[in-house]
Amino acid sequence: MTPRAAVPVRAVRLGPRSAIVLTLASVAGLAMFLWPLFTQVEPSPMQHGTDAPFVFMAVLPVLVLIVLAQISEGGMDSKALAMLGVLSAVNAALRPLGAGTAGIELVFFVLVLAGRVFGPGFGFVLGCTSMFASALLTAGVGPWLPFQMLCSAWIGLGAGLLPRRVTGKAEIAMLAAYGVVVAYVFGMLMNMWFWPFITGASLDYYDGSISYVPGAPVLENLHRFLIFTLLTSTAGWDTGRAITNAVAIVLIGPALLATFRRAARRASFGVRPTFDADGTPGARSR
């Protein structure tokens, strides 16, 4: 018999249209991070300061399209929207508590757990809305925000795609490991958004080149980028973020998972009441 906790709950069900839109948004977002590796750009510290508003204007309509696609397919109801609003507000309130000091960021473990319980579609939208809400709360709106929104959306999406059959302590271990991995991936991607535009990047304790070289082969620039990331963030900020995610998921994860699953069962996402010919309530259907 399938354990009760392992039964999939989809606060936001991904229908064909919304799945296509989400896939296209992810592909476009990845291209937004990696395009300097495949073309020649001249490093300029103001580069993203000028193009970020246009990127932001592109990201927000995609998010709106996803929401509208969900509603039109019956994949997101008022209860899911209410849950999305509550968890976005919680994440927005949690983020300033750590303020990123030494990599301590409290926004990601809730995102991972919510994506796990409510599904990949919900996780994707929650990642975007959480970062946007927290940026407004902390005056953190800047050229980095669209990139943070996409990275967080992918984290929530990935959490919802993890194997559903894993339960109990194994599930907590899986989620903690996932939290560690995405902490480093988030750090790498957020380095990539600005690294090609740094002029004269160097470190006193490293003699090699860690700057982007316009027109250089992809693997050569990628090698420089990996060294840059390893020396500037992996051992510090990213590791702090990974430890925070793992500790929070191990300590708070079981209770939050139970709470989210109880809320999902009570909300009966996507279930609509039906009525018999005489107007009396009948069986509920999706």
C-alpha atoms as a PDB file:
ATOM      1  CA  MET A   1       0.000   0.000   0.000  1.00  0.00           C
ATOM      2  CA  THR A   2       1.341   3.455  -0.920  1.00  0.00           C
ATOM      3  CA  PRO A   3       2.237   5.518   2.164  1.00  0.00           C
ATOM      4  CA  ARG A   4      -0.073   8.423   2.693  1.00  0.00           C
ATOM      5  CA  ALA A   5       2.756  10.949   2.616  1.00  0.00           C
ATOM      6  CA  ALA A   6       3.898   9.696  -0.762  1.00  0.00           C
ATOM      7  CA  VAL A   7       0.583  10.320  -2.527  1.00  0.00           C
ATOM      8  CA  PRO A   8       1.214  13.154  -5.009  1.00  0.00           C
ATOM      9  CA  VAL A   9      -0.491  16.460  -4.262  1.00  0.00           C
ATOM     10  CA  ARG A  10      -0.669  18.974  -7.087  1.00  0.00           C
ATOM     11  CA  ALA A  11      -1.702  22.443  -5.938  1.00  0.00           C
ATOM     12  CA  VAL A  12      -0.848  23.485  -9.466  1.00  0.00           C
ATOM     13  CA  ARG A  13      -1.312  20.772 -12.075  1.00  0.00           C
ATOM     14  CA  LEU A  14       0.844  21.101 -15.177  1.00  0.00           C
ATOM     15  CA  GLY A  15      -1.329  20.701 -18.240  1.00  0.00           C
ATOM     16  CA  PRO A  16       0.068  20.613 -21.781  1.00  0.00           C
ATOM     17  CA  ARG A  17      -0.072  24.376 -22.385  1.00  0.00           C
ATOM     18  CA  SER A  18       1.436  25.377 -19.062  1.00  0.00           C
ATOM     19  CA  ALA A  19       4.125  22.690 -19.354  1.00  0.00           C
ATOM     20  CA  ILE A  20       5.133  24.063 -22.759  1.00  0.00           C
ATOM     21  CA  VAL A  21       5.237  27.632 -21.467  1.00  0.00           C
ATOM     22  CA  LEU A  22       7.262  26.575 -18.421  1.00  0.00           C
ATOM     23  CA  THR A  23       9.742  24.656 -20.588  1.00  0.00           C
ATOM     24  CA  LEU A  24      10.186  27.584 -22.953  1.00  0.00           C
ATOM     25  CA  ALA A  25      10.654  29.930 -20.003  1.00  0.00           C
ATOM     26  CA  SER A  26      13.347  27.667 -18.558  1.00  0.00           C
ATOM     27  CA  VAL A  27      15.191  27.344 -21.870  1.00  0.00           C
ATOM     28  CA  ALA A  28      15.069  31.096 -22.426  1.00  0.00           C
ATOM     29  CA  GLY A  29      16.213  31.683 -18.858  1.00  0.00           C
ATOM     30  CA  LEU A  30      19.178  29.342 -19.225  1.00  0.00           C
ATOM     31  CA  ALA A  31      20.151  31.123 -22.434  1.00  0.00           C
ATOM     32  CA  MET A  32      19.925  34.397 -20.518  1.00  0.00           C
ATOM     33  CA  PHE A  33      22.646  33.135 -18.162  1.00  0.00           C
ATOM     34  CA  LEU A  34      24.933  31.387 -20.632  1.00  0.00           C
ATOM     35  CA  TRP A  35      24.822  33.484 -23.796  1.00  0.00           C
ATOM     36  CA  PRO A  36      28.180  35.250 -23.171  1.00  0.00           C
ATOM     37  CA  LEU A  37      29.930  31.860 -23.446  1.00  0.00           C
ATOM     38  CA  PHE A  38      28.706  31.401 -27.003  1.00  0.00           C
ATOM     39  CA  THR A  39      29.277  34.878 -28.351  1.00  0.00           C
ATOM     40  CA  GLN A  40      31.730  37.722 -27.996  1.00  0.00           C
ATOM     41  CA  VAL A  41      30.956  40.509 -25.566  1.00  0.00           C
ATOM     42  CA  GLU A  42      33.208  43.192 -24.215  1.00  0.00           C
ATOM     43  CA  PRO A  43      33.398  43.260 -20.408  1.00  0.00           C
ATOM     44  CA  SER A  44      31.603  46.260 -18.955  1.00  0.00           C
ATOM     45  CA  PRO A  45      30.489  46.731 -15.348  1.00  0.00           C
ATOM     46  CA  MET A  46      27.343  48.523 -16.580  1.00  0.00           C
ATOM     47  CA  GLN A  47      26.279  45.808 -19.028  1.00  0.00           C
ATOM     48  CA  HIS A  48      23.481  44.244 -16.957  1.00  0.00           C
ATOM     49  CA  GLY A  49      22.585  47.592 -15.496  1.00  0.00           C
ATOM     50  CA  THR A  50      21.264  48.539 -18.921  1.00  0.00           C
ATOM     51  CA  ASP A  51      19.789  45.235 -20.113  1.00  0.00           C
ATOM     52  CA  ALA A  52      18.257  44.047 -16.820  1.00  0.00           C
ATOM     53  CA  PRO A  53      15.094  46.179 -17.113  1.00  0.00           C
ATOM     54  CA  PHE A  54      14.350  44.523 -20.446  1.00  0.00           C
ATOM     55  CA  VAL A  55      15.066  41.073 -18.993  1.00  0.00           C
ATOM     56  CA  PHE A  56      12.776  41.876 -16.082  1.00  0.00           C
ATOM     57  CA  MET A  57      10.028  42.950 -18.457  1.00  0.00           C
ATOM     58  CA  ALA A  58      10.438  39.621 -20.262  1.00  0.00           C
ATOM     59  CA  VAL A  59      10.414  37.451 -17.106  1.00  0.00           C
ATOM     60  CA  LEU A  60       7.280  38.895 -15.541  1.00  0.00           C
ATOM     61  CA  PRO A  61       5.008  38.320 -18.572  1.00  0.00           C
ATOM     62  CA  VAL A  62       6.251  34.713 -18.720  1.00  0.00           C
ATOM     63  CA  LEU A  63       5.253  34.258 -15.089  1.00  0.00           C
ATOM     64  CA  VAL A  64       1.858  35.787 -15.817  1.00  0.00           C
ATOM     65  CA  LEU A  65       1.458  33.474 -18.815  1.00  0.00           C
ATOM     66  CA  ILE A  66       2.148  30.458 -16.629  1.00  0.00           C
ATOM     67  CA  VAL A  67      -0.455  31.560 -14.099  1.00  0.00           C
ATOM     68  CA  LEU A  68      -3.020  32.292 -16.798  1.00  0.00           C
ATOM     69  CA  ALA A  69      -2.300  28.976 -18.507  1.00  0.00           C
ATOM     70  CA  GLN A  70      -2.835  27.191 -15.209  1.00  0.00           C
ATOM     71  CA  ILE A  71      -6.137  28.960 -14.588  1.00  0.00           C
ATOM     72  CA  SER A  72      -7.385  28.355 -18.130  1.00  0.00           C
ATOM     73  CA  GLU A  73      -6.614  24.652 -17.840  1.00  0.00           C
ATOM     74  CA  GLY A  74      -8.215  24.424 -14.405  1.00  0.00           C
ATOM     75  CA  GLY A  75      -4.813  23.785 -12.856  1.00  0.00           C
ATOM     76  CA  MET A  76      -4.838  26.583 -10.275  1.00  0.00           C
ATOM     77  CA  ASP A  77      -7.816  27.402  -8.115  1.00  0.00           C
ATOM     78  CA  SER A  78      -8.409  30.051  -5.481  1.00  0.00           C
ATOM     79  CA  LYS A  79      -7.052  27.800  -2.725  1.00  0.00           C
ATOM     80  CA  ALA A  80      -3.772  27.324  -4.583  1.00  0.00           C
ATOM     81  CA  LEU A  81      -3.508  31.072  -5.147  1.00  0.00           C
ATOM     82  CA  ALA A  82      -4.123  31.677  -1.449  1.00  0.00           C
ATOM     83  CA  MET A  83      -1.439  29.148  -0.487  1.00  0.00           C
ATOM     84  CA  LEU A  84       0.931  30.757  -2.980  1.00  0.00           C
ATOM     85  CA  GLY A  85       0.338  34.161  -1.426  1.00  0.00           C
ATOM     86  CA  VAL A  86       0.876  32.895   2.122  1.00  0.00           C
ATOM     87  CA  LEU A  87       4.118  31.050   1.357  1.00  0.00           C
ATOM     88  CA  SER A  88       5.451  33.948  -0.731  1.00  0.00           C
ATOM     89  CA  ALA A  89       4.849  36.247   2.245  1.00  0.00           C
ATOM     90  CA  VAL A  90       6.536  33.760   4.608  1.00  0.00           C
ATOM     91  CA  ASN A  91       9.595  33.538   2.381  1.00  0.00           C
ATOM     92  CA  ALA A  92       9.700  37.313   1.990  1.00  0.00           C
ATOM     93  CA  ALA A  93       9.697  37.651   5.787  1.00  0.00           C
ATOM     94  CA  LEU A  94      12.311  34.919   6.319  1.00  0.00           C
ATOM     95  CA  ARG A  95      14.858  36.214   3.850  1.00  0.00           C
ATOM     96  CA  PRO A  96      15.872  39.390   5.757  1.00  0.00           C
ATOM     97  CA  LEU A  97      16.517  37.322   8.913  1.00  0.00           C
ATOM     98  CA  GLY A  98      19.662  35.860   7.420  1.00  0.00           C
ATOM     99  CA  ALA A  99      20.320  38.721   5.006  1.00  0.00           C
ATOM    100  CA  GLY A 100      22.754  36.426   3.208  1.00  0.00           C
ATOM    101  CA  THR A 101      25.390  36.860   5.925  1.00  0.00           C
ATOM    102  CA  ALA A 102      28.031  34.146   5.436  1.00  0.00           C
ATOM    103  CA  GLY A 103      25.589  32.473   3.054  1.00  0.00           C
ATOM    104  CA  ILE A 104      22.861  32.040   5.676  1.00  0.00           C
ATOM    105  CA  GLU A 105      19.660  32.318   3.625  1.00  0.00           C
ATOM    106  CA  LEU A 106      16.407  30.992   5.021  1.00  0.00           C
ATOM    107  CA  VAL A 107      14.283  31.347   1.907  1.00  0.00           C
ATOM    108  CA  PHE A 108      15.304  28.165   0.102  1.00  0.00           C
ATOM    109  CA  PHE A 109      14.377  25.378   2.526  1.00  0.00           C
ATOM    110  CA  VAL A 110      10.713  26.450   2.561  1.00  0.00           C
ATOM    111  CA  LEU A 111      10.797  26.592  -1.232  1.00  0.00           C
ATOM    112  CA  VAL A 112      12.203  23.054  -1.431  1.00  0.00           C
ATOM    113  CA  LEU A 113       9.639  21.637   0.987  1.00  0.00           C
ATOM    114  CA  ALA A 114       6.717  23.440  -0.654  1.00  0.00           C
ATOM    115  CA  GLY A 115       7.792  22.309  -4.111  1.00  0.00           C
ATOM    116  CA  ARG A 116       8.073  18.764  -2.816  1.00  0.00           C
ATOM    117  CA  VAL A 117       4.536  18.732  -1.429  1.00  0.00           C
ATOM    118  CA  PHE A 118       2.590  20.958  -3.827  1.00  0.00           C
ATOM    119  CA  GLY A 119       4.314  19.969  -7.057  1.00  0.00           C
ATOM    120  CA  PRO A 120       6.692  21.385  -9.687  1.00  0.00           C
ATOM    121  CA  GLY A 121       4.278  23.961 -11.123  1.00  0.00           C
ATOM    122  CA  PHE A 122       3.600  25.447  -7.708  1.00  0.00           C
ATOM    123  CA  GLY A 123       7.325  25.360  -6.873  1.00  0.00           C
ATOM    124  CA  PHE A 124       8.235  27.232 -10.049  1.00  0.00           C
ATOM    125  CA  VAL A 125       5.757  30.042  -9.455  1.00  0.00           C
ATOM    126  CA  LEU A 126       6.566  30.209  -5.723  1.00  0.00           C
ATOM    127  CA  GLY A 127      10.273  30.661  -6.494  1.00  0.00           C
ATOM    128  CA  CYS A 128       9.515  33.665  -8.685  1.00  0.00           C
ATOM    129  CA  THR A 129       7.003  35.300  -6.363  1.00  0.00           C
ATOM    130  CA  SER A 130       9.108  34.718  -3.225  1.00  0.00           C
ATOM    131  CA  MET A 131      12.136  36.476  -4.672  1.00  0.00           C
ATOM    132  CA  PHE A 132      10.041  39.297  -6.069  1.00  0.00           C
ATOM    133  CA  ALA A 133       8.212  39.859  -2.769  1.00  0.00           C
ATOM    134  CA  SER A 134      11.406  39.705  -0.700  1.00  0.00           C
ATOM    135  CA  ALA A 135      13.127  42.149  -3.064  1.00  0.00           C
ATOM    136  CA  LEU A 136      10.319  44.640  -2.553  1.00  0.00           C
ATOM    137  CA  LEU A 137      10.474  44.133   1.215  1.00  0.00           C
ATOM    138  CA  THR A 138      14.259  44.551   1.469  1.00  0.00           C
ATOM    139  CA  ALA A 139      14.709  47.161  -1.284  1.00  0.00           C
ATOM    140  CA  GLY A 140      16.649  44.520  -3.179  1.00  0.00           C
ATOM    141  CA  VAL A 141      15.311  45.358  -6.621  1.00  0.00           C
ATOM    142  CA  GLY A 142      18.193  45.530  -9.063  1.00  0.00           C
ATOM    143  CA  PRO A 143      19.645  43.999 -12.224  1.00  0.00           C
ATOM    144  CA  TRP A 144      20.204  40.731 -10.343  1.00  0.00           C
ATOM    145  CA  LEU A 145      16.517  40.220  -9.474  1.00  0.00           C
ATOM    146  CA  PRO A 146      15.329  38.535 -12.713  1.00  0.00           C
ATOM    147  CA  PHE A 147      18.183  36.054 -12.429  1.00  0.00           C
ATOM    148  CA  GLN A 148      17.391  35.329  -8.778  1.00  0.00           C
ATOM    149  CA  MET A 149      13.739  34.779  -9.687  1.00  0.00           C
ATOM    150  CA  LEU A 150      14.609  32.246 -12.385  1.00  0.00           C
ATOM    151  CA  CYS A 151      17.112  30.375 -10.208  1.00  0.00           C
ATOM    152  CA  SER A 152      14.624  30.134  -7.348  1.00  0.00           C
ATOM    153  CA  ALA A 153      11.899  29.024  -9.755  1.00  0.00           C
ATOM    154  CA  TRP A 154      14.112  26.167 -10.956  1.00  0.00           C
ATOM    155  CA  ILE A 155      14.813  25.138  -7.359  1.00  0.00           C
ATOM    156  CA  GLY A 156      11.087  24.889  -6.604  1.00  0.00           C
ATOM    157  CA  LEU A 157      10.468  23.106  -9.900  1.00  0.00           C
ATOM    158  CA  GLY A 158      13.209  20.544  -9.254  1.00  0.00           C
ATOM    159  CA  ALA A 159      11.939  19.827  -5.749  1.00  0.00           C
ATOM    160  CA  GLY A 160       8.549  18.957  -7.200  1.00  0.00           C
ATOM    161  CA  LEU A 161      10.130  16.562  -9.705  1.00  0.00           C
ATOM    162  CA  LEU A 162      12.030  14.487  -7.138  1.00  0.00           C
ATOM    163  CA  PRO A 163      10.981  10.799  -6.842  1.00  0.00           C
ATOM    164  CA  ARG A 164       7.649  10.494  -5.063  1.00  0.00           C
ATOM    165  CA  ARG A 165       8.134   6.973  -3.748  1.00  0.00           C
ATOM    166  CA  VAL A 166      10.814   8.080  -1.280  1.00  0.00           C
ATOM    167  CA  THR A 167       9.310   8.590   2.186  1.00  0.00           C
ATOM    168  CA  GLY A 168      10.256   8.893   5.839  1.00  0.00           C
ATOM    169  CA  LYS A 169      13.880   9.480   6.808  1.00  0.00           C
ATOM    170  CA  ALA A 170      15.024   8.678   3.288  1.00  0.00           C
ATOM    171  CA  GLU A 171      12.874  11.525   2.005  1.00  0.00           C
ATOM    172  CA  ILE A 172      14.412  13.981   4.462  1.00  0.00           C
ATOM    173  CA  ALA A 173      17.899  12.810   3.462  1.00  0.00           C
ATOM    174  CA  MET A 174      17.011  13.227  -0.221  1.00  0.00           C
ATOM    175  CA  LEU A 175      15.649  16.730   0.317  1.00  0.00           C
ATOM    176  CA  ALA A 176      18.654  17.733   2.420  1.00  0.00           C
ATOM    177  CA  ALA A 177      21.011  16.491  -0.313  1.00  0.00           C
ATOM    178  CA  TYR A 178      18.948  18.361  -2.892  1.00  0.00           C
ATOM    179  CA  GLY A 179      19.171  21.509  -0.764  1.00  0.00           C
ATOM    180  CA  VAL A 180      22.967  21.210  -0.708  1.00  0.00           C
ATOM    181  CA  VAL A 181      23.217  20.698  -4.479  1.00  0.00           C
ATOM    182  CA  VAL A 182      20.926  23.588  -5.389  1.00  0.00           C
ATOM    183  CA  ALA A 183      22.793  25.879  -2.996  1.00  0.00           C
ATOM    184  CA  TYR A 184      25.941  25.455  -5.064  1.00  0.00           C
ATOM    185  CA  VAL A 185      24.061  25.585  -8.375  1.00  0.00           C
ATOM    186  CA  PHE A 186      22.352  28.816  -7.308  1.00  0.00           C
ATOM    187  CA  GLY A 187      25.725  30.316  -6.429  1.00  0.00           C
ATOM    188  CA  MET A 188      27.252  29.302  -9.756  1.00  0.00           C
ATOM    189  CA  LEU A 189      24.389  30.671 -11.827  1.00  0.00           C
ATOM    190  CA  MET A 190      24.292  33.930  -9.895  1.00  0.00           C
ATOM    191  CA  ASN A 191      28.024  34.281 -10.519  1.00  0.00           C
ATOM    192  CA  MET A 192      27.509  33.658 -14.216  1.00  0.00           C
ATOM    193  CA  TRP A 193      25.066  36.535 -14.608  1.00  0.00           C
ATOM    194  CA  PHE A 194      27.783  39.113 -13.855  1.00  0.00           C
ATOM    195  CA  TRP A 195      31.136  37.345 -14.337  1.00  0.00           C
ATOM    196  CA  PRO A 196      31.500  37.996 -18.103  1.00  0.00           C
ATOM    197  CA  PHE A 197      31.155  41.731 -17.471  1.00  0.00           C
ATOM    198  CA  ILE A 198      33.790  42.105 -14.760  1.00  0.00           C
ATOM    199  CA  THR A 199      36.804  44.003 -16.020  1.00  0.00           C
ATOM    200  CA  GLY A 200      40.221  42.848 -14.800  1.00  0.00           C
ATOM    201  CA  ALA A 201      39.078  40.235 -12.262  1.00  0.00           C
ATOM    202  CA  SER A 202      42.032  38.966 -10.215  1.00  0.00           C
ATOM    203  CA  LEU A 203      42.892  37.540  -6.799  1.00  0.00           C
ATOM    204  CA  ASP A 204      46.052  38.104  -4.799  1.00  0.00           C
ATOM    205  CA  TYR A 205      46.336  34.410  -3.914  1.00  0.00           C
ATOM    206  CA  TYR A 206      45.846  33.115  -7.467  1.00  0.00           C
ATOM    207  CA  ASP A 207      48.217  33.853 -10.322  1.00  0.00           C
ATOM    208  CA  GLY A 208      46.095  32.541 -13.204  1.00  0.00           C
ATOM    209  CA  SER A 209      43.439  34.383 -15.190  1.00  0.00           C
ATOM    210  CA  ILE A 210      39.870  34.257 -13.908  1.00  0.00           C
ATOM    211  CA  SER A 211      38.399  36.899 -16.206  1.00  0.00           C
ATOM    212  CA  TYR A 212      36.135  36.350 -19.181  1.00  0.00           C
ATOM    213  CA  VAL A 213      38.006  36.508 -22.489  1.00  0.00           C
ATOM    214  CA  PRO A 214      35.823  37.717 -25.394  1.00  0.00           C
ATOM    215  CA  GLY A 215      35.830  35.263 -28.266  1.00  0.00           C
ATOM    216  CA  ALA A 216      37.739  32.538 -26.404  1.00  0.00           C
ATOM    217  CA  PRO A 217      36.590  28.889 -26.784  1.00  0.00           C
ATOM    218  CA  VAL A 218      33.650  27.901 -24.593  1.00  0.00           C
ATOM    219  CA  LEU A 219      35.624  25.362 -22.563  1.00  0.00           C
ATOM    220  CA  GLU A 220      38.410  27.860 -21.934  1.00  0.00           C
ATOM    221  CA  ASN A 221      36.062  30.509 -20.589  1.00  0.00           C
ATOM    222  CA  LEU A 222      34.132  27.875 -18.656  1.00  0.00           C
ATOM    223  CA  HIS A 223      37.376  26.758 -17.001  1.00  0.00           C
ATOM    224  CA  ARG A 224      38.105  30.348 -15.930  1.00  0.00           C
ATOM    225  CA  PHE A 225      34.572  30.706 -14.623  1.00  0.00           C
ATOM    226  CA  LEU A 226      34.741  27.525 -12.532  1.00  0.00           C
ATOM    227  CA  ILE A 227      37.992  28.697 -10.944  1.00  0.00           C
ATOM    228  CA  PHE A 228      36.450  32.116 -10.304  1.00  0.00           C
ATOM    229  CA  THR A 229      33.416  30.515  -8.632  1.00  0.00           C
ATOM    230  CA  LEU A 230      35.491  28.075  -6.581  1.00  0.00           C
ATOM    231  CA  LEU A 231      37.793  30.793  -5.256  1.00  0.00           C
ATOM    232  CA  THR A 232      35.229  33.524  -4.649  1.00  0.00           C
ATOM    233  CA  SER A 233      32.012  31.862  -3.501  1.00  0.00           C
ATOM    234  CA  THR A 234      31.989  28.059  -3.342  1.00  0.00           C
ATOM    235  CA  ALA A 235      34.031  27.740  -0.161  1.00  0.00           C
ATOM    236  CA  GLY A 236      32.257  30.647   1.510  1.00  0.00           C
ATOM    237  CA  TRP A 237      28.790  31.901   0.614  1.00  0.00           C
ATOM    238  CA  ASP A 238      27.653  28.794  -1.241  1.00  0.00           C
ATOM    239  CA  THR A 239      28.803  26.434   1.496  1.00  0.00           C
ATOM    240  CA  GLY A 240      27.047  28.548   4.108  1.00  0.00           C
ATOM    241  CA  ARG A 241      23.875  28.377   2.034  1.00  0.00           C
ATOM    242  CA  ALA A 242      24.237  24.609   1.609  1.00  0.00           C
ATOM    243  CA  ILE A 243      24.700  24.060   5.358  1.00  0.00           C
ATOM    244  CA  THR A 244      21.711  26.281   6.143  1.00  0.00           C
ATOM    245  CA  ASN A 245      19.499  24.366   3.715  1.00  0.00           C
ATOM    246  CA  ALA A 246      20.571  20.967   5.002  1.00  0.00           C
ATOM    247  CA  VAL A 247      20.258  21.827   8.698  1.00  0.00           C
ATOM    248  CA  ALA A 248      16.875  23.536   8.257  1.00  0.00           C
ATOM    249  CA  ILE A 249      15.461  20.634   6.226  1.00  0.00           C
ATOM    250  CA  VAL A 250      16.707  18.017   8.696  1.00  0.00           C
ATOM    251  CA  LEU A 251      15.476  19.871  11.781  1.00  0.00           C
ATOM    252  CA  ILE A 252      12.282  21.525  10.535  1.00  0.00           C
ATOM    253  CA  GLY A 253      11.556  19.504   7.407  1.00  0.00           C
ATOM    254  CA  PRO A 254       9.516  16.658   8.946  1.00  0.00           C
ATOM    255  CA  ALA A 255       7.177  19.039  10.764  1.00  0.00           C
ATOM    256  CA  LEU A 256       6.750  21.353   7.761  1.00  0.00           C
ATOM    257  CA  LEU A 257       6.149  18.459   5.367  1.00  0.00           C
ATOM    258  CA  ALA A 258       3.431  17.116   7.660  1.00  0.00           C
ATOM    259  CA  THR A 259       1.882  20.588   7.942  1.00  0.00           C
ATOM    260  CA  PHE A 260       1.941  21.190   4.193  1.00  0.00           C
ATOM    261  CA  ARG A 261       0.473  17.760   3.453  1.00  0.00           C
ATOM    262  CA  ARG A 262      -2.266  18.243   6.016  1.00  0.00           C
ATOM    263  CA  ALA A 263      -3.094  21.620   4.480  1.00  0.00           C
ATOM    264  CA  ALA A 264      -3.102  20.081   1.001  1.00  0.00           C
ATOM    265  CA  ARG A 265      -5.482  17.304   2.061  1.00  0.00           C
ATOM    266  CA  ARG A 266      -7.853  19.744   3.727  1.00  0.00           C
ATOM    267  CA  ALA A 267      -7.743  22.123   0.765  1.00  0.00           C
ATOM    268  CA  SER A 268      -8.372  19.304  -1.732  1.00  0.00           C
ATOM    269  CA  PHE A 269      -6.672  21.281  -4.500  1.00  0.00           C
ATOM    270  CA  GLY A 270      -8.379  21.007  -7.857  1.00  0.00           C
ATOM    271  CA  VAL A 271     -11.431  19.206  -6.454  1.00  0.00           C
ATOM    272  CA  ARG A 272     -14.735  20.769  -7.433  1.00  0.00           C
ATOM    273  CA  PRO A 273     -18.103  19.964  -5.847  1.00  0.00           C
ATOM    274  CA  THR A 274     -20.817  18.476  -8.051  1.00  0.00           C
ATOM    275  CA  PHE A 275     -24.532  18.618  -7.471  1.00  0.00           C
ATOM    276  CA  ASP A 276     -27.339  16.207  -8.255  1.00  0.00           C
ATOM    277  CA  ALA A 277     -30.392  17.221 -10.291  1.00  0.00           C
ATOM    278  CA  ASP A 278     -32.234  18.198  -7.113  1.00  0.00           C
ATOM    279  CA  GLY A 279     -29.406  20.521  -6.032  1.00  0.00           C
ATOM    280  CA  THR A 280     -27.994  18.305  -3.281  1.00  0.00           C
ATOM    281  CA  PRO A 281     -24.225  17.872  -3.109  1.00  0.00           C
ATOM    282  CA  GLY A 282     -22.935  14.853  -4.958  1.00  0.00           C
ATOM    283  CA  ALA A 283     -19.523  13.319  -5.424  1.00  0.00           C
ATOM    284  CA  ARG A 284     -16.583  15.656  -5.863  1.00  0.00           C
ATOM    285  CA  SER A 285     -14.553  15.503  -9.044  1.00  0.00           C
ATOM    286  CA  ARG A 286     -11.391  16.987 -10.476  1.00  0.00           C
END
